């Protein structure tokens, strides 16, 4: 079977780009009258009007509208490019999952993948030791298309996290975790929305048999693999 490539719908960046273009047109229409009113207000004060503002106030609609459209088009193309660059590109094959997002790319061997489920905007790939192989930001991908592609190539798709009940709220310093484990979780939290740093932190967490997620602004943790029954295995100090 041929690999299936999943990408964000082209309509999403196009829609955002068109929105910025429309905003540029609106700015082009209102820029002249707005500048004229602002100049009139400033003239009632001892503060001199900026020359650029005066020039803008004198420009006719035939000038301000094209300028607004050009600026809006440029900003729209730039925004659409950024959205496309940051979106997930996922290739599903019988051999494995190949992904690329921003400047990060990777490969997950089919043999190592136990299941895949959706967690909000993320596609979470679990291994055969109850751990998390990858947490991919799939916000622009349809869950139905993702499910269909995975099942077609022999992957197990689950409607929800199979280990949802195992997660417990994490509190820094709580004795349920070792000092080294707390440091790893803090590193994950510190990474925030930086996908590169967070992915690196998750590699260390996986080695320590920990899985971490965020719910309603709170961090939740569960043990994986040989540590799932509560045995504290001290990972190496990061």
Protein backbone atom coordinates (compact mmCIF):
# COMPACT_ATOMS: atom_id res chain seq x y z
CA UNK A 1 0.00 0.00 0.00
CA UNK A 2 1.23 3.47 -0.88
CA UNK A 3 2.02 5.83 2.03
CA UNK A 4 -0.63 8.35 2.98
CA UNK A 5 0.44 11.96 3.37
CA UNK A 6 -1.54 14.10 5.78
CA UNK A 7 -1.23 17.87 5.76
CA UNK A 8 -3.13 20.83 7.03
CA UNK A 9 -5.90 21.94 4.68
CA UNK A 10 -4.64 24.63 2.30
CA UNK A 11 -7.80 26.57 3.06
CA UNK A 12 -6.53 27.41 6.58
CA UNK A 13 -3.48 29.54 5.65
CA UNK A 14 -5.40 30.93 2.66
CA UNK A 15 -8.22 32.03 4.95
CA UNK A 16 -5.87 33.78 7.35
CA UNK A 17 -4.01 35.41 4.46
CA UNK A 18 -7.28 36.66 2.96
CA UNK A 19 -8.29 38.04 6.35
CA UNK A 20 -5.09 40.06 6.62
CA UNK A 21 -5.57 41.31 3.05
CA UNK A 22 -9.10 42.45 3.91
CA UNK A 23 -7.75 44.19 7.00
CA UNK A 24 -5.21 45.99 4.82
CA UNK A 25 -8.03 47.20 2.57
CA UNK A 26 -9.96 48.52 5.57
CA UNK A 27 -6.87 50.33 6.82
CA UNK A 28 -6.37 51.82 3.38
CA UNK A 29 -9.93 53.19 3.38
CA UNK A 30 -9.90 54.68 6.87
CA UNK A 31 -6.23 55.74 7.12
CA UNK A 32 -6.65 59.13 5.42
CA UNK A 33 -9.77 60.32 7.29
CA UNK A 34 -8.44 58.99 10.60
CA UNK A 35 -5.12 60.80 10.09
CA UNK A 36 -6.94 64.02 9.19
CA UNK A 37 -9.00 63.88 12.39
CA UNK A 38 -5.89 63.18 14.47
CA UNK A 39 -4.07 66.12 12.90
CA UNK A 40 -7.03 68.39 13.68
CA UNK A 41 -6.95 67.29 17.32
CA UNK A 42 -3.20 67.79 17.63
CA UNK A 43 -3.45 71.28 16.14
CA UNK A 44 -5.58 72.31 19.13
CA UNK A 45 -2.63 71.54 21.38
CA UNK A 46 0.86 73.04 21.57
CA UNK A 47 2.31 69.76 20.29
CA UNK A 48 3.42 69.89 16.62
CA UNK A 49 1.88 67.37 14.23
CA UNK A 50 4.27 64.74 12.85
CA UNK A 51 5.02 65.40 9.19
CA UNK A 52 4.28 61.80 8.23
CA UNK A 53 0.82 62.06 9.77
CA UNK A 54 0.13 65.25 7.84
CA UNK A 55 1.19 63.62 4.58
CA UNK A 56 -1.07 60.66 5.25
CA UNK A 57 -3.98 62.98 6.00
CA UNK A 58 -3.55 64.67 2.62
CA UNK A 59 -3.44 61.46 0.58
CA UNK A 60 -6.58 60.68 -1.44
CA UNK A 61 -8.35 57.33 -1.28
CA UNK A 62 -6.83 56.46 -4.66
CA UNK A 63 -3.45 56.29 -2.90
CA UNK A 64 -4.24 54.99 0.56
CA UNK A 65 -6.34 52.05 -0.65
CA UNK A 66 -3.65 50.57 -2.96
CA UNK A 67 -1.03 51.08 -0.24
CA UNK A 68 -3.22 49.27 2.29
CA UNK A 69 -3.83 46.44 -0.18
CA UNK A 70 -0.11 46.02 -0.91
CA UNK A 71 0.78 45.99 2.78
CA UNK A 72 -2.08 43.60 3.53
CA UNK A 73 -1.07 41.26 0.71
CA UNK A 74 2.54 41.16 1.90
CA UNK A 75 1.55 40.52 5.51
CA UNK A 76 -1.02 37.92 4.41
CA UNK A 77 1.53 35.97 2.37
CA UNK A 78 3.99 36.09 5.27
CA UNK A 79 1.36 34.87 7.76
CA UNK A 80 0.21 32.08 5.45
CA UNK A 81 3.82 30.97 5.04
CA UNK A 82 4.37 30.88 8.80
CA UNK A 83 1.18 28.87 9.37
CA UNK A 84 2.18 26.38 6.65
CA UNK A 85 5.71 26.04 8.06
CA UNK A 86 4.45 25.39 11.59
CA UNK A 87 1.78 22.86 10.60
CA UNK A 88 2.30 19.10 10.90
CA UNK A 89 3.20 17.05 7.82
CA UNK A 90 2.63 13.38 8.57
CA UNK A 91 3.35 10.45 6.27
CA UNK A 92 1.71 7.19 7.33
CA UNK A 93 3.10 3.94 5.90
CA UNK A 94 3.18 0.29 6.86
CA UNK A 95 6.81 0.76 7.92
CA UNK A 96 6.31 3.71 10.24
CA UNK A 97 5.26 7.31 10.78
CA UNK A 98 7.35 10.12 9.35
CA UNK A 99 6.62 13.59 10.67
CA UNK A 100 7.89 17.11 10.05
CA UNK A 101 6.88 20.30 11.86
CA UNK A 102 8.69 23.62 11.92
CA UNK A 103 12.38 22.61 11.89
CA UNK A 104 11.80 19.30 13.66
CA UNK A 105 11.38 15.97 11.92
CA UNK A 106 11.44 12.36 12.99
CA UNK A 107 10.54 8.74 12.35
CA UNK A 108 8.53 6.31 14.49
CA UNK A 109 8.90 2.66 13.56
CA UNK A 110 5.61 0.78 13.17
CA UNK A 111 6.85 -2.01 15.43
CA UNK A 112 7.33 0.46 18.29
CA UNK A 113 3.86 2.03 17.99
CA UNK A 114 1.20 0.44 20.20
CA UNK A 115 -1.58 2.96 19.62
CA UNK A 116 -2.44 6.52 18.63
CA UNK A 117 -5.11 8.74 20.15
CA UNK A 118 -6.17 12.36 20.04
CA UNK A 119 -5.56 14.62 23.03
CA UNK A 120 -7.04 17.98 22.15
CA UNK A 121 -4.87 19.46 19.42
CA UNK A 122 -2.25 16.72 19.80
CA UNK A 123 -1.90 13.27 18.26
CA UNK A 124 -0.30 11.13 20.96
CA UNK A 125 1.69 8.08 19.89
CA UNK A 126 2.11 5.46 22.64
CA UNK A 127 4.71 2.71 22.74
CA UNK A 128 4.38 -0.87 23.94
CA UNK A 129 5.61 0.04 27.44
CA UNK A 130 2.73 2.46 28.06
CA UNK A 131 5.04 5.37 27.35
CA UNK A 132 4.61 8.30 24.97
CA UNK A 133 6.73 8.06 21.83
CA UNK A 134 5.62 11.43 20.48
CA UNK A 135 3.09 14.17 21.09
CA UNK A 136 2.50 15.79 17.70
CA UNK A 137 0.69 19.10 17.32
CA UNK A 138 -1.97 18.01 14.83
CA UNK A 139 -4.27 20.99 15.26
CA UNK A 140 -4.68 21.43 11.51
CA UNK A 141 -5.38 17.76 10.77
CA UNK A 142 -8.84 16.21 10.69
CA UNK A 143 -9.26 13.49 13.30
CA UNK A 144 -11.29 11.44 10.83
CA UNK A 145 -8.61 11.60 8.13
CA UNK A 146 -5.94 10.78 10.70
CA UNK A 147 -7.91 7.79 12.01
CA UNK A 148 -8.63 6.47 8.52
CA UNK A 149 -4.98 6.73 7.41
CA UNK A 150 -3.65 5.01 10.52
CA UNK A 151 -6.13 2.16 10.43
CA UNK A 152 -5.57 1.63 6.71
CA UNK A 153 -1.89 0.99 7.41
CA UNK A 154 -2.46 -1.28 10.37
CA UNK A 155 -2.10 1.06 13.34
CA UNK A 156 -4.33 0.91 16.38
CA UNK A 157 -6.43 4.07 16.72
CA UNK A 158 -8.10 4.76 20.06
CA UNK A 159 -10.88 7.31 20.64
CA UNK A 160 -9.32 8.46 23.94
CA UNK A 161 -6.23 8.11 26.10
CA UNK A 162 -6.16 4.48 27.30
CA UNK A 163 -4.21 5.52 30.40
CA UNK A 164 -6.30 8.53 31.31
CA UNK A 165 -7.14 7.20 34.79
CA UNK A 166 -3.45 6.73 35.64
CA UNK A 167 -2.58 10.42 35.55
CA UNK A 168 -2.16 12.27 38.81
CA UNK A 169 -1.72 15.98 39.45
CA UNK A 170 1.93 16.98 39.86
CA UNK A 171 3.02 19.38 42.59
CA UNK A 172 6.63 20.46 42.80
CA UNK A 173 8.32 18.77 45.75
CA UNK A 174 5.59 16.19 46.28
CA UNK A 175 7.19 13.06 47.82
CA UNK A 176 5.58 10.78 45.23
CA UNK A 177 8.48 11.69 42.94
CA UNK A 178 12.24 11.73 43.36
CA UNK A 179 14.25 14.95 43.17
CA UNK A 180 15.56 13.93 39.75
CA UNK A 181 12.03 13.28 38.50
CA UNK A 182 10.89 16.68 39.75
CA UNK A 183 13.74 18.30 37.82
CA UNK A 184 12.70 16.52 34.64
CA UNK A 185 9.08 17.63 35.02
CA UNK A 186 10.16 21.19 35.75
CA UNK A 187 12.22 21.17 32.55
CA UNK A 188 9.15 20.06 30.61
CA UNK A 189 7.08 22.81 32.20
CA UNK A 190 9.76 25.42 31.52
CA UNK A 191 9.79 24.50 27.82
CA UNK A 192 6.25 25.88 27.56
CA UNK A 193 5.11 26.09 23.93
CA UNK A 194 8.61 25.67 22.52
CA UNK A 195 8.01 22.41 20.65
CA UNK A 196 11.73 21.70 20.19
CA UNK A 197 12.61 22.08 23.87
CA UNK A 198 9.49 20.22 24.96
CA UNK A 199 10.30 17.30 22.66
CA UNK A 200 13.80 17.09 24.14
CA UNK A 201 12.36 17.17 27.67
CA UNK A 202 9.97 14.35 26.76
CA UNK A 203 12.89 12.16 25.66
CA UNK A 204 14.33 12.44 29.18
CA UNK A 205 10.91 11.83 30.72
CA UNK A 206 10.43 8.71 28.62
CA UNK A 207 13.81 7.38 29.78
CA UNK A 208 12.65 7.97 33.36
CA UNK A 209 9.39 6.06 32.69
CA UNK A 210 7.20 9.15 33.06
CA UNK A 211 4.47 10.58 30.84
CA UNK A 212 3.40 14.21 31.30
CA UNK A 213 0.47 16.23 30.02
CA UNK A 214 -1.34 19.47 30.86
CA UNK A 215 -4.99 19.77 31.82
CA UNK A 216 -6.72 23.07 32.63
CA UNK A 217 -3.38 24.71 33.30
CA UNK A 218 -2.21 21.95 35.65
CA UNK A 219 0.48 19.36 34.98
CA UNK A 220 -0.45 15.70 35.31
CA UNK A 221 1.98 12.78 35.41
CA UNK A 222 1.75 9.01 35.18
CA UNK A 223 4.31 6.24 35.39
CA UNK A 224 5.01 3.99 32.43
CA UNK A 225 6.79 0.72 31.74
CA UNK A 226 8.31 -1.00 34.76
CA UNK A 227 7.52 2.01 36.98
CA UNK A 228 3.75 1.94 36.51
CA UNK A 229 3.18 0.14 39.80
CA UNK A 230 4.88 2.88 41.77
CA UNK A 231 8.48 1.67 41.84
CA UNK A 232 10.64 4.80 41.93
CA UNK A 233 13.45 4.49 39.47
CA UNK A 234 15.91 7.33 39.77
CA UNK A 235 16.84 8.69 36.37
CA UNK A 236 20.20 10.27 35.76
CA UNK A 237 20.42 13.89 36.80
CA UNK A 238 19.73 16.03 33.71
